[in-house]
Amino acid sequence: MDGIGLLTITVLAVFVGFEVVSKVSSTLHTPLMSGANAIHGIILVGAIIVAGQASDPWVLAVALLAVVLATANLVGGFVVTDRMLEMFRGRKRVTPPDGKPGAIEAEPKGRTR
């Protein structure tokens, strides 16, 4: 396949991907991010396998770059998913020192459960 054909496929894939992602509702976004993180994990394993079997130095360099980028993508996806799940957590009720119930405070940041 020539370069023009590959460029055409890439441009069409970008447009289709943008349209699909922009139509996803916010309630489905977090589960889809989790699925995408699983796919990125598979990509990371593939990049590690390619790096382990590389015979040429330039193939090794590209494979190691793929490992670094896939790792950054995977970690970033989990960070974004964790932040989105944190938005859905509710607030907890606390009793203030004066004993009058009903005050609401936000949960502290971080994992306390």
PDB file of N, CA and C in Angstrom:
ATOM      1  N   MET A   1       0.852  -1.170   0.000  1.00  0.00           N
ATOM      2  CA  MET A   1       0.000   0.000   0.000  1.00  0.00           C
ATOM      3  C   MET A   1       0.901   1.238   0.000  1.00  0.00           C
ATOM      4  N   ASP A   2       0.555   2.197  -0.807  1.00  0.00           N
ATOM      5  CA  ASP A   2       1.380   3.400  -0.915  1.00  0.00           C
ATOM      6  C   ASP A   2       1.089   4.367   0.232  1.00  0.00           C
ATOM      7  N   GLY A   3       1.880   5.423   0.298  1.00  0.00           N
ATOM      8  CA  GLY A   3       1.765   6.397   1.386  1.00  0.00           C
ATOM      9  C   GLY A   3       0.452   7.153   1.395  1.00  0.00           C
ATOM     10  N   ILE A   4      -0.082   7.450   0.205  1.00  0.00           N
ATOM     11  CA  ILE A   4      -1.352   8.180   0.128  1.00  0.00           C
ATOM     12  C   ILE A   4      -2.490   7.326   0.691  1.00  0.00           C
ATOM     13  N   GLY A   5      -2.479   6.043   0.397  1.00  0.00           N
ATOM     14  CA  GLY A   5      -3.503   5.149   0.922  1.00  0.00           C
ATOM     15  C   GLY A   5      -3.444   5.043   2.447  1.00  0.00           C
ATOM     16  N   LEU A   6      -2.218   4.930   2.992  1.00  0.00           N
ATOM     17  CA  LEU A   6      -2.061   4.874   4.442  1.00  0.00           C
ATOM     18  C   LEU A   6      -2.501   6.180   5.103  1.00  0.00           C
ATOM     19  N   LEU A   7      -2.163   7.301   4.488  1.00  0.00           N
ATOM     20  CA  LEU A   7      -2.576   8.602   5.023  1.00  0.00           C
ATOM     21  C   LEU A   7      -4.096   8.745   4.987  1.00  0.00           C
ATOM     22  N   THR A   8      -4.723   8.277   3.920  1.00  0.00           N
ATOM     23  CA  THR A   8      -6.180   8.342   3.812  1.00  0.00           C
ATOM     24  C   THR A   8      -6.843   7.514   4.909  1.00  0.00           C
ATOM     25  N   ILE A   9      -6.337   6.323   5.155  1.00  0.00           N
ATOM     26  CA  ILE A   9      -6.892   5.463   6.209  1.00  0.00           C
ATOM     27  C   ILE A   9      -6.712   6.119   7.575  1.00  0.00           C
ATOM     28  N   THR A  10      -5.563   6.717   7.806  1.00  0.00           N
ATOM     29  CA  THR A  10      -5.309   7.371   9.089  1.00  0.00           C
ATOM     30  C   THR A  10      -6.259   8.539   9.311  1.00  0.00           C
ATOM     31  N   VAL A  11      -6.442   9.375   8.293  1.00  0.00           N
ATOM     32  CA  VAL A  11      -7.330  10.535   8.424  1.00  0.00           C
ATOM     33  C   VAL A  11      -8.770  10.074   8.649  1.00  0.00           C
ATOM     34  N   LEU A  12      -9.218   9.073   7.924  1.00  0.00           N
ATOM     35  CA  LEU A  12     -10.569   8.557   8.112  1.00  0.00           C
ATOM     36  C   LEU A  12     -10.740   7.947   9.504  1.00  0.00           C
ATOM     37  N   ALA A  13      -9.726   7.255  10.001  1.00  0.00           N
ATOM     38  CA  ALA A  13      -9.799   6.676  11.344  1.00  0.00           C
ATOM     39  C   ALA A  13      -9.885   7.761  12.408  1.00  0.00           C
ATOM     40  N   VAL A  14      -9.173   8.866  12.201  1.00  0.00           N
ATOM     41  CA  VAL A  14      -9.239   9.983  13.162  1.00  0.00           C
ATOM     42  C   VAL A  14     -10.647  10.571  13.189  1.00  0.00           C
ATOM     43  N   PHE A  15     -11.235  10.791  12.019  1.00  0.00           N
ATOM     44  CA  PHE A  15     -12.586  11.354  11.971  1.00  0.00           C
ATOM     45  C   PHE A  15     -13.611  10.406  12.592  1.00  0.00           C
ATOM     46  N   VAL A  16     -13.537   9.121  12.269  1.00  0.00           N
ATOM     47  CA  VAL A  16     -14.480   8.154  12.831  1.00  0.00           C
ATOM     48  C   VAL A  16     -14.297   8.053  14.342  1.00  0.00           C
ATOM     49  N   GLY A  17     -13.056   7.997  14.803  1.00  0.00           N
ATOM     50  CA  GLY A  17     -12.792   7.936  16.244  1.00  0.00           C
ATOM     51  C   GLY A  17     -13.321   9.145  16.981  1.00  0.00           C
ATOM     52  N   PHE A  18     -13.133  10.321  16.411  1.00  0.00           N
ATOM     53  CA  PHE A  18     -13.641  11.547  17.033  1.00  0.00           C
ATOM     54  C   PHE A  18     -15.163  11.520  17.129  1.00  0.00           C
ATOM     55  N   GLU A  19     -15.819  11.104  16.079  1.00  0.00           N
ATOM     56  CA  GLU A  19     -17.282  11.055  16.084  1.00  0.00           C
ATOM     57  C   GLU A  19     -17.803  10.039  17.094  1.00  0.00           C
ATOM     58  N   VAL A  20     -17.164   8.892  17.181  1.00  0.00           N
ATOM     59  CA  VAL A  20     -17.610   7.857  18.115  1.00  0.00           C
ATOM     60  C   VAL A  20     -17.415   8.321  19.557  1.00  0.00           C
ATOM     61  N   VAL A  21     -16.253   8.865  19.860  1.00  0.00           N
ATOM     62  CA  VAL A  21     -15.961   9.277  21.234  1.00  0.00           C
ATOM     63  C   VAL A  21     -16.821  10.469  21.647  1.00  0.00           C
ATOM     64  N   SER A  22     -17.094  11.379  20.739  1.00  0.00           N
ATOM     65  CA  SER A  22     -17.881  12.560  21.110  1.00  0.00           C
ATOM     66  C   SER A  22     -19.345  12.220  21.382  1.00  0.00           C
ATOM     67  N   LYS A  23     -19.820  11.077  20.933  1.00  0.00           N
ATOM     68  CA  LYS A  23     -21.216  10.680  21.144  1.00  0.00           C
ATOM     69  C   LYS A  23     -21.414   9.866  22.426  1.00  0.00           C
ATOM     70  N   VAL A  24     -20.351   9.577  23.161  1.00  0.00           N
ATOM     71  CA  VAL A  24     -20.446   8.767  24.370  1.00  0.00           C
ATOM     72  C   VAL A  24     -20.933   9.647  25.519  1.00  0.00           C
ATOM     73  N   SER A  25     -21.938   9.157  26.249  1.00  0.00           N
ATOM     74  CA  SER A  25     -22.440   9.930  27.392  1.00  0.00           C
ATOM     75  C   SER A  25     -21.449   9.840  28.547  1.00  0.00           C
ATOM     76  N   SER A  26     -21.556  10.768  29.483  1.00  0.00           N
ATOM     77  CA  SER A  26     -20.594  10.813  30.583  1.00  0.00           C
ATOM     78  C   SER A  26     -20.718   9.611  31.518  1.00  0.00           C
ATOM     79  N   THR A  27     -21.906   9.003  31.602  1.00  0.00           N
ATOM     80  CA  THR A  27     -22.051   7.836  32.477  1.00  0.00           C
ATOM     81  C   THR A  27     -21.355   6.604  31.915  1.00  0.00           C
ATOM     82  N   LEU A  28     -21.169   6.557  30.608  1.00  0.00           N
ATOM     83  CA  LEU A  28     -20.477   5.421  30.004  1.00  0.00           C
ATOM     84  C   LEU A  28     -18.980   5.658  29.845  1.00  0.00           C
ATOM     85  N   HIS A  29     -18.539   6.876  30.071  1.00  0.00           N
ATOM     86  CA  HIS A  29     -17.146   7.203  29.804  1.00  0.00           C
ATOM     87  C   HIS A  29     -16.189   6.435  30.714  1.00  0.00           C
ATOM     88  N   THR A  30     -16.505   6.318  32.000  1.00  0.00           N
ATOM     89  CA  THR A  30     -15.604   5.639  32.933  1.00  0.00           C
ATOM     90  C   THR A  30     -15.451   4.153  32.619  1.00  0.00           C
ATOM     91  N   PRO A  31     -16.538   3.402  32.358  1.00  0.00           N
ATOM     92  CA  PRO A  31     -16.329   1.997  31.978  1.00  0.00           C
ATOM     93  C   PRO A  31     -15.551   1.846  30.671  1.00  0.00           C
ATOM     94  N   LEU A  32     -15.774   2.751  29.732  1.00  0.00           N
ATOM     95  CA  LEU A  32     -15.019   2.675  28.479  1.00  0.00           C
ATOM     96  C   LEU A  32     -13.541   2.977  28.705  1.00  0.00           C
ATOM     97  N   MET A  33     -13.239   3.880  29.625  1.00  0.00           N
ATOM     98  CA  MET A  33     -11.837   4.160  29.948  1.00  0.00           C
ATOM     99  C   MET A  33     -11.179   2.930  30.557  1.00  0.00           C
ATOM    100  N   SER A  34     -11.907   2.202  31.386  1.00  0.00           N
ATOM    101  CA  SER A  34     -11.342   0.987  31.977  1.00  0.00           C
ATOM    102  C   SER A  34     -11.034  -0.051  30.898  1.00  0.00           C
ATOM    103  N   GLY A  35     -11.935  -0.180  29.933  1.00  0.00           N
ATOM    104  CA  GLY A  35     -11.679  -1.096  28.822  1.00  0.00           C
ATOM    105  C   GLY A  35     -10.502  -0.654  27.980  1.00  0.00           C
ATOM    106  N   ALA A  36     -10.389   0.641  27.760  1.00  0.00           N
ATOM    107  CA  ALA A  36      -9.255   1.157  26.990  1.00  0.00           C
ATOM    108  C   ALA A  36      -7.948   0.929  27.739  1.00  0.00           C
ATOM    109  N   ASN A  37      -7.973   1.030  29.062  1.00  0.00           N
ATOM    110  CA  ASN A  37      -6.763   0.758  29.842  1.00  0.00           C
ATOM    111  C   ASN A  37      -6.338  -0.700  29.700  1.00  0.00           C
ATOM    112  N   ALA A  38      -7.294  -1.614  29.620  1.00  0.00           N
ATOM    113  CA  ALA A  38      -6.947  -3.021  29.422  1.00  0.00           C
ATOM    114  C   ALA A  38      -6.285  -3.218  28.062  1.00  0.00           C
ATOM    115  N   ILE A  39      -6.799  -2.538  27.045  1.00  0.00           N
ATOM    116  CA  ILE A  39      -6.192  -2.633  25.713  1.00  0.00           C
ATOM    117  C   ILE A  39      -4.781  -2.047  25.733  1.00  0.00           C
ATOM    118  N   HIS A  40      -4.591  -0.941  26.437  1.00  0.00           N
ATOM    119  CA  HIS A  40      -3.256  -0.347  26.513  1.00  0.00           C
ATOM    120  C   HIS A  40      -2.293  -1.267  27.246  1.00  0.00           C
ATOM    121  N   GLY A  41      -2.792  -2.040  28.195  1.00  0.00           N
ATOM    122  CA  GLY A  41      -1.944  -3.023  28.862  1.00  0.00           C
ATOM    123  C   GLY A  41      -1.467  -4.093  27.900  1.00  0.00           C
ATOM    124  N   ILE A  42      -2.351  -4.520  27.010  1.00  0.00           N
ATOM    125  CA  ILE A  42      -1.966  -5.515  25.994  1.00  0.00           C
ATOM    126  C   ILE A  42      -0.931  -4.914  25.035  1.00  0.00           C
ATOM    127  N   ILE A  43      -1.121  -3.653  24.670  1.00  0.00           N
ATOM    128  CA  ILE A  43      -0.156  -2.979  23.796  1.00  0.00           C
ATOM    129  C   ILE A  43       1.206  -2.891  24.477  1.00  0.00           C
ATOM    130  N   LEU A  44       1.209  -2.609  25.776  1.00  0.00           N
ATOM    131  CA  LEU A  44       2.465  -2.542  26.521  1.00  0.00           C
ATOM    132  C   LEU A  44       3.169  -3.897  26.524  1.00  0.00           C
ATOM    133  N   VAL A  45       2.423  -4.968  26.731  1.00  0.00           N
ATOM    134  CA  VAL A  45       3.028  -6.310  26.710  1.00  0.00           C
ATOM    135  C   VAL A  45       3.616  -6.596  25.331  1.00  0.00           C
ATOM    136  N   GLY A  46       2.893  -6.237  24.267  1.00  0.00           N
ATOM    137  CA  GLY A  46       3.419  -6.436  22.915  1.00  0.00           C
ATOM    138  C   GLY A  46       4.684  -5.650  22.661  1.00  0.00           C
ATOM    139  N   ALA A  47       4.735  -4.404  23.159  1.00  0.00           N
ATOM    140  CA  ALA A  47       5.938  -3.594  22.977  1.00  0.00           C
ATOM    141  C   ALA A  47       7.120  -4.190  23.733  1.00  0.00           C
ATOM    142  N   ILE A  48       6.868  -4.750  24.900  1.00  0.00           N
ATOM    143  CA  ILE A  48       7.946  -5.388  25.664  1.00  0.00           C
ATOM    144  C   ILE A  48       8.448  -6.636  24.933  1.00  0.00           C
ATOM    145  N   ILE A  49       7.542  -7.401  24.366  1.00  0.00           N
ATOM    146  CA  ILE A  49       7.944  -8.608  23.612  1.00  0.00           C
ATOM    147  C   ILE A  49       8.795  -8.227  22.401  1.00  0.00           C
ATOM    148  N   VAL A  50       8.360  -7.184  21.671  1.00  0.00           N
ATOM    149  CA  VAL A  50       9.134  -6.731  20.499  1.00  0.00           C
ATOM    150  C   VAL A  50      10.504  -6.238  20.936  1.00  0.00           C
ATOM    151  N   ALA A  51      10.566  -5.502  22.051  1.00  0.00           N
ATOM    152  CA  ALA A  51      11.860  -5.004  22.530  1.00  0.00           C
ATOM    153  C   ALA A  51      12.778  -6.151  22.935  1.00  0.00           C
ATOM    154  N   GLY A  52      12.199  -7.202  23.487  1.00  0.00           N
ATOM    155  CA  GLY A  52      13.011  -8.346  23.898  1.00  0.00           C
ATOM    156  C   GLY A  52      13.557  -9.153  22.734  1.00  0.00           C
ATOM    157  N   GLN A  53      12.896  -9.109  21.579  1.00  0.00           N
ATOM    158  CA  GLN A  53      13.326  -9.894  20.426  1.00  0.00           C
ATOM    159  C   GLN A  53      13.987  -9.049  19.348  1.00  0.00           C
ATOM    160  N   ALA A  54      14.256  -7.785  19.631  1.00  0.00           N
ATOM    161  CA  ALA A  54      14.845  -6.895  18.622  1.00  0.00           C
ATOM    162  C   ALA A  54      16.281  -7.302  18.330  1.00  0.00           C
ATOM    163  N   SER A  55      16.606  -7.358  17.043  1.00  0.00           N
ATOM    164  CA  SER A  55      17.971  -7.718  16.651  1.00  0.00           C
ATOM    165  C   SER A  55      18.745  -6.502  16.165  1.00  0.00           C
ATOM    166  N   ASP A  56      18.079  -5.544  15.563  1.00  0.00           N
ATOM    167  CA  ASP A  56      18.734  -4.329  15.090  1.00  0.00           C
ATOM    168  C   ASP A  56      18.642  -3.239  16.159  1.00  0.00           C
ATOM    169  N   PRO A  57      19.658  -2.393  16.236  1.00  0.00           N
ATOM    170  CA  PRO A  57      19.612  -1.318  17.235  1.00  0.00           C
ATOM    171  C   PRO A  57      18.457  -0.333  17.013  1.00  0.00           C
ATOM    172  N   TRP A  58      18.116  -0.043  15.767  1.00  0.00           N
ATOM    173  CA  TRP A  58      17.030   0.916  15.538  1.00  0.00           C
ATOM    174  C   TRP A  58      15.677   0.312  15.885  1.00  0.00           C
ATOM    175  N   VAL A  59      15.525  -1.002  15.694  1.00  0.00           N
ATOM    176  CA  VAL A  59      14.283  -1.672  16.101  1.00  0.00           C
ATOM    177  C   VAL A  59      14.164  -1.656  17.628  1.00  0.00           C
ATOM    178  N   LEU A  60      15.284  -1.871  18.307  1.00  0.00           N
ATOM    179  CA  LEU A  60      15.290  -1.813  19.766  1.00  0.00           C
ATOM    180  C   LEU A  60      14.938  -0.412  20.257  1.00  0.00           C
ATOM    181  N   ALA A  61      15.484   0.616  19.604  1.00  0.00           N
ATOM    182  CA  ALA A  61      15.197   1.992  20.008  1.00  0.00           C
ATOM    183  C   ALA A  61      13.715   2.325  19.833  1.00  0.00           C
ATOM    184  N   VAL A  62      13.150   1.922  18.706  1.00  0.00           N
ATOM    185  CA  VAL A  62      11.726   2.187  18.460  1.00  0.00           C
ATOM    186  C   VAL A  62      10.867   1.385  19.441  1.00  0.00           C
ATOM    187  N   ALA A  63      11.258   0.144  19.722  1.00  0.00           N
ATOM    188  CA  ALA A  63      10.496  -0.686  20.655  1.00  0.00           C
ATOM    189  C   ALA A  63      10.545  -0.111  22.073  1.00  0.00           C
ATOM    190  N   LEU A  64      11.706   0.374  22.481  1.00  0.00           N
ATOM    191  CA  LEU A  64      11.804   0.980  23.809  1.00  0.00           C
ATOM    192  C   LEU A  64      11.002   2.274  23.890  1.00  0.00           C
ATOM    193  N   LEU A  65      10.983   3.033  22.799  1.00  0.00           N
ATOM    194  CA  LEU A  65      10.132   4.223  22.758  1.00  0.00           C
ATOM    195  C   LEU A  65       8.663   3.827  22.863  1.00  0.00           C
ATOM    196  N   ALA A  66       8.290   2.738  22.210  1.00  0.00           N
ATOM    197  CA  ALA A  66       6.911   2.243  22.301  1.00  0.00           C
ATOM    198  C   ALA A  66       6.579   1.808  23.723  1.00  0.00           C
ATOM    199  N   VAL A  67       7.525   1.200  24.417  1.00  0.00           N
ATOM    200  CA  VAL A  67       7.305   0.792  25.810  1.00  0.00           C
ATOM    201  C   VAL A  67       7.083   2.020  26.686  1.00  0.00           C
ATOM    202  N   VAL A  68       7.902   3.043  26.500  1.00  0.00           N
ATOM    203  CA  VAL A  68       7.769   4.264  27.308  1.00  0.00           C
ATOM    204  C   VAL A  68       6.425   4.943  27.044  1.00  0.00           C
ATOM    205  N   LEU A  69       6.065   5.085  25.778  1.00  0.00           N
ATOM    206  CA  LEU A  69       4.804   5.752  25.442  1.00  0.00           C
ATOM    207  C   LEU A  69       3.592   4.941  25.902  1.00  0.00           C
ATOM    208  N   ALA A  70       3.647   3.622  25.753  1.00  0.00           N
ATOM    209  CA  ALA A  70       2.536   2.783  26.200  1.00  0.00           C
ATOM    210  C   ALA A  70       2.395   2.824  27.721  1.00  0.00           C
ATOM    211  N   THR A  71       3.518   2.877  28.421  1.00  0.00           N
ATOM    212  CA  THR A  71       3.466   2.978  29.880  1.00  0.00           C
ATOM    213  C   THR A  71       2.846   4.298  30.307  1.00  0.00           C
ATOM    214  N   ALA A  72       3.270   5.393  29.672  1.00  0.00           N
ATOM    215  CA  ALA A  72       2.698   6.702  30.000  1.00  0.00           C
ATOM    216  C   ALA A  72       1.202   6.734  29.706  1.00  0.00           C
ATOM    217  N   ASN A  73       0.794   6.136  28.609  1.00  0.00           N
ATOM    218  CA  ASN A  73      -0.620   6.091  28.241  1.00  0.00           C
ATOM    219  C   ASN A  73      -1.414   5.262  29.236  1.00  0.00           C
ATOM    220  N   LEU A  74      -0.879   4.134  29.648  1.00  0.00           N
ATOM    221  CA  LEU A  74      -1.561   3.256  30.594  1.00  0.00           C
ATOM    222  C   LEU A  74      -1.708   3.927  31.961  1.00  0.00           C
ATOM    223  N   VAL A  75      -0.631   4.479  32.468  1.00  0.00           N
ATOM    224  CA  VAL A  75      -0.679   5.140  33.781  1.00  0.00           C
ATOM    225  C   VAL A  75      -1.599   6.357  33.737  1.00  0.00           C
ATOM    226  N   GLY A  76      -1.504   7.144  32.682  1.00  0.00           N
ATOM    227  CA  GLY A  76      -2.379   8.306  32.550  1.00  0.00           C
ATOM    228  C   GLY A  76      -3.839   7.921  32.481  1.00  0.00           C
ATOM    229  N   GLY A  77      -4.152   6.825  31.807  1.00  0.00           N
ATOM    230  CA  GLY A  77      -5.532   6.359  31.737  1.00  0.00           C
ATOM    231  C   GLY A  77      -6.071   5.964  33.090  1.00  0.00           C
ATOM    232  N   PHE A  78      -5.252   5.300  33.895  1.00  0.00           N
ATOM    233  CA  PHE A  78      -5.703   4.918  35.229  1.00  0.00           C
ATOM    234  C   PHE A  78      -5.859   6.140  36.134  1.00  0.00           C
ATOM    235  N   VAL A  79      -4.996   7.125  35.985  1.00  0.00           N
ATOM    236  CA  VAL A  79      -5.118   8.348  36.788  1.00  0.00           C
ATOM    237  C   VAL A  79      -6.411   9.082  36.440  1.00  0.00           C
ATOM    238  N   VAL A  80      -6.706   9.201  35.151  1.00  0.00           N
ATOM    239  CA  VAL A  80      -7.931   9.882  34.728  1.00  0.00           C
ATOM    240  C   VAL A  80      -9.160   9.104  35.199  1.00  0.00           C
ATOM    241  N   THR A  81      -9.135   7.779  35.080  1.00  0.00           N
ATOM    242  CA  THR A  81     -10.266   6.971  35.529  1.00  0.00           C
ATOM    243  C   THR A  81     -10.474   7.124  37.029  1.00  0.00           C
ATOM    244  N   ASP A  82      -9.395   7.135  37.793  1.00  0.00           N
ATOM    245  CA  ASP A  82      -9.508   7.301  39.242  1.00  0.00           C
ATOM    246  C   ASP A  82     -10.094   8.664  39.593  1.00  0.00           C
ATOM    247  N   ARG A  83      -9.685   9.705  38.882  1.00  0.00           N
ATOM    248  CA  ARG A  83     -10.241  11.044  39.140  1.00  0.00           C
ATOM    249  C   ARG A  83     -11.723  11.103  38.804  1.00  0.00           C
ATOM    250  N   MET A  84     -12.122  10.433  37.723  1.00  0.00           N
ATOM    251  CA  MET A  84     -13.534  10.439  37.352  1.00  0.00           C
ATOM    252  C   MET A  84     -14.361   9.673  38.379  1.00  0.00           C
ATOM    253  N   LEU A  85     -13.858   8.555  38.859  1.00  0.00           N
ATOM    254  CA  LEU A  85     -14.583   7.803  39.881  1.00  0.00           C
ATOM    255  C   LEU A  85     -14.675   8.590  41.179  1.00  0.00           C
ATOM    256  N   GLU A  86     -13.668   9.385  41.478  1.00  0.00           N
ATOM    257  CA  GLU A  86     -13.685  10.225  42.674  1.00  0.00           C
ATOM    258  C   GLU A  86     -14.791  11.277  42.592  1.00  0.00           C
ATOM    259  N   MET A  87     -15.123  11.730  41.389  1.00  0.00           N
ATOM    260  CA  MET A  87     -16.199  12.705  41.226  1.00  0.00           C
ATOM    261  C   MET A  87     -17.551  12.096  41.586  1.00  0.00           C
ATOM    262  N   PHE A  88     -17.721  10.785  41.403  1.00  0.00           N
ATOM    263  CA  PHE A  88     -18.999  10.147  41.674  1.00  0.00           C
ATOM    264  C   PHE A  88     -19.172   9.745  43.134  1.00  0.00           C
ATOM    265  N   ARG A  89     -18.117   9.824  43.912  1.00  0.00           N
ATOM    266  CA  ARG A  89     -18.239   9.487  45.329  1.00  0.00           C
ATOM    267  C   ARG A  89     -19.021  10.585  46.025  1.00  0.00           C
ATOM    268  N   GLY A  90     -19.860  10.181  46.957  1.00  0.00           N
ATOM    269  CA  GLY A  90     -20.697  11.149  47.657  1.00  0.00           C
ATOM    270  C   GLY A  90     -19.964  11.821  48.800  1.00  0.00           C
ATOM    271  N   ARG A  91     -20.691  12.697  49.444  1.00  0.00           N
ATOM    272  CA  ARG A  91     -20.146  13.356  50.625  1.00  0.00           C
ATOM    273  C   ARG A  91     -20.599  12.586  51.848  1.00  0.00           C
ATOM    274  N   LYS A  92     -19.816  12.637  52.892  1.00  0.00           N
ATOM    275  CA  LYS A  92     -20.214  11.922  54.095  1.00  0.00           C
ATOM    276  C   LYS A  92     -20.642  12.917  55.165  1.00  0.00           C
ATOM    277  N   ARG A  93     -21.585  12.477  55.976  1.00  0.00           N
ATOM    278  CA  ARG A  93     -22.097  13.318  57.051  1.00  0.00           C
ATOM    279  C   ARG A  93     -21.217  13.129  58.286  1.00  0.00           C
ATOM    280  N   VAL A  94     -20.928  14.227  58.949  1.00  0.00           N
ATOM    281  CA  VAL A  94     -20.137  14.181  60.175  1.00  0.00           C
ATOM    282  C   VAL A  94     -20.888  14.941  61.259  1.00  0.00           C
ATOM    283  N   THR A  95     -20.628  14.566  62.489  1.00  0.00           N
ATOM    284  CA  THR A  95     -21.221  15.277  63.615  1.00  0.00           C
ATOM    285  C   THR A  95     -20.185  16.260  64.131  1.00  0.00           C
ATOM    286  N   PRO A  96     -20.514  17.542  64.114  1.00  0.00           N
ATOM    287  CA  PRO A  96     -19.550  18.530  64.595  1.00  0.00           C
ATOM    288  C   PRO A  96     -19.370  18.420  66.110  1.00  0.00           C
ATOM    289  N   PRO A  97     -18.340  19.057  66.649  1.00  0.00           N
ATOM    290  CA  PRO A  97     -18.066  18.960  68.096  1.00  0.00           C
ATOM    291  C   PRO A  97     -19.212  19.455  68.973  1.00  0.00           C
ATOM    292  N   ASP A  98     -20.070  20.365  68.464  1.00  0.00           N
ATOM    293  CA  ASP A  98     -21.160  20.865  69.303  1.00  0.00           C
ATOM    294  C   ASP A  98     -22.309  19.864  69.397  1.00  0.00           C
ATOM    295  N   GLY A  99     -22.262  18.762  68.670  1.00  0.00           N
ATOM    296  CA  GLY A  99     -23.240  17.709  68.778  1.00  0.00           C
ATOM    297  C   GLY A  99     -24.454  17.850  67.889  1.00  0.00           C
ATOM    298  N   LYS A 100     -24.555  18.881  67.101  1.00  0.00           N
ATOM    299  CA  LYS A 100     -25.702  19.068  66.216  1.00  0.00           C
ATOM    300  C   LYS A 100     -25.426  18.346  64.895  1.00  0.00           C
ATOM    301  N   PRO A 101     -26.195  17.288  64.621  1.00  0.00           N
ATOM    302  CA  PRO A 101     -25.936  16.550  63.384  1.00  0.00           C
ATOM    303  C   PRO A 101     -26.422  17.318  62.161  1.00  0.00           C
ATOM    304  N   GLY A 102     -25.949  16.885  61.022  1.00  0.00           N
ATOM    305  CA  GLY A 102     -26.457  17.450  59.778  1.00  0.00           C
ATOM    306  C   GLY A 102     -25.423  18.200  58.966  1.00  0.00           C
ATOM    307  N   ALA A 103     -24.269  18.442  59.511  1.00  0.00           N
ATOM    308  CA  ALA A 103     -23.242  19.122  58.722  1.00  0.00           C
ATOM    309  C   ALA A 103     -22.688  18.153  57.690  1.00  0.00           C
ATOM    310  N   ILE A 104     -22.424  18.663  56.519  1.00  0.00           N
ATOM    311  CA  ILE A 104     -21.897  17.829  55.443  1.00  0.00           C
ATOM    312  C   ILE A 104     -20.506  18.337  55.089  1.00  0.00           C
ATOM    313  N   GLU A 105     -19.573  17.422  55.055  1.00  0.00           N
ATOM    314  CA  GLU A 105     -18.221  17.762  54.632  1.00  0.00           C
ATOM    315  C   GLU A 105     -17.830  16.826  53.508  1.00  0.00           C
ATOM    316  N   ALA A 106     -17.003  17.324  52.635  1.00  0.00           N
ATOM    317  CA  ALA A 106     -16.506  16.494  51.545  1.00  0.00           C
ATOM    318  C   ALA A 106     -15.536  15.473  52.104  1.00  0.00           C
ATOM    319  N   GLU A 107     -15.473  14.324  51.446  1.00  0.00           N
ATOM    320  CA  GLU A 107     -14.510  13.321  51.852  1.00  0.00           C
ATOM    321  C   GLU A 107     -13.103  13.838  51.602  1.00  0.00           C
ATOM    322  N   PRO A 108     -12.173  13.461  52.449  1.00  0.00           N
ATOM    323  CA  PRO A 108     -10.795  13.887  52.207  1.00  0.00           C
ATOM    324  C   PRO A 108     -10.246  13.255  50.933  1.00  0.00           C
ATOM    325  N   LYS A 109      -9.333  13.933  50.316  1.00  0.00           N
ATOM    326  CA  LYS A 109      -8.718  13.417  49.113  1.00  0.00           C
ATOM    327  C   LYS A 109      -7.897  12.173  49.445  1.00  0.00           C
ATOM    328  N   GLY A 110      -7.788  11.312  48.466  1.00  0.00           N
ATOM    329  CA  GLY A 110      -7.014  10.095  48.648  1.00  0.00           C
ATOM    330  C   GLY A 110      -7.923   8.936  48.977  1.00  0.00           C
ATOM    331  N   ARG A 111      -7.311   7.797  49.107  1.00  0.00           N
ATOM    332  CA  ARG A 111      -8.077   6.575  49.374  1.00  0.00           C
ATOM    333  C   ARG A 111      -8.134   6.342  50.875  1.00  0.00           C
ATOM    334  N   THR A 112      -9.314   6.477  51.426  1.00  0.00           N
ATOM    335  CA  THR A 112      -9.475   6.284  52.862  1.00  0.00           C
ATOM    336  C   THR A 112     -10.295   5.051  53.165  1.00  0.00           C
ATOM    337  N   ARG A 113     -10.770   4.353  52.150  1.00  0.00           N
ATOM    338  CA  ARG A 113     -11.629   3.194  52.380  1.00  0.00           C
ATOM    339  C   ARG A 113     -10.849   1.933  52.438  1.00  0.00           C
TER     340      ARG A 113
END
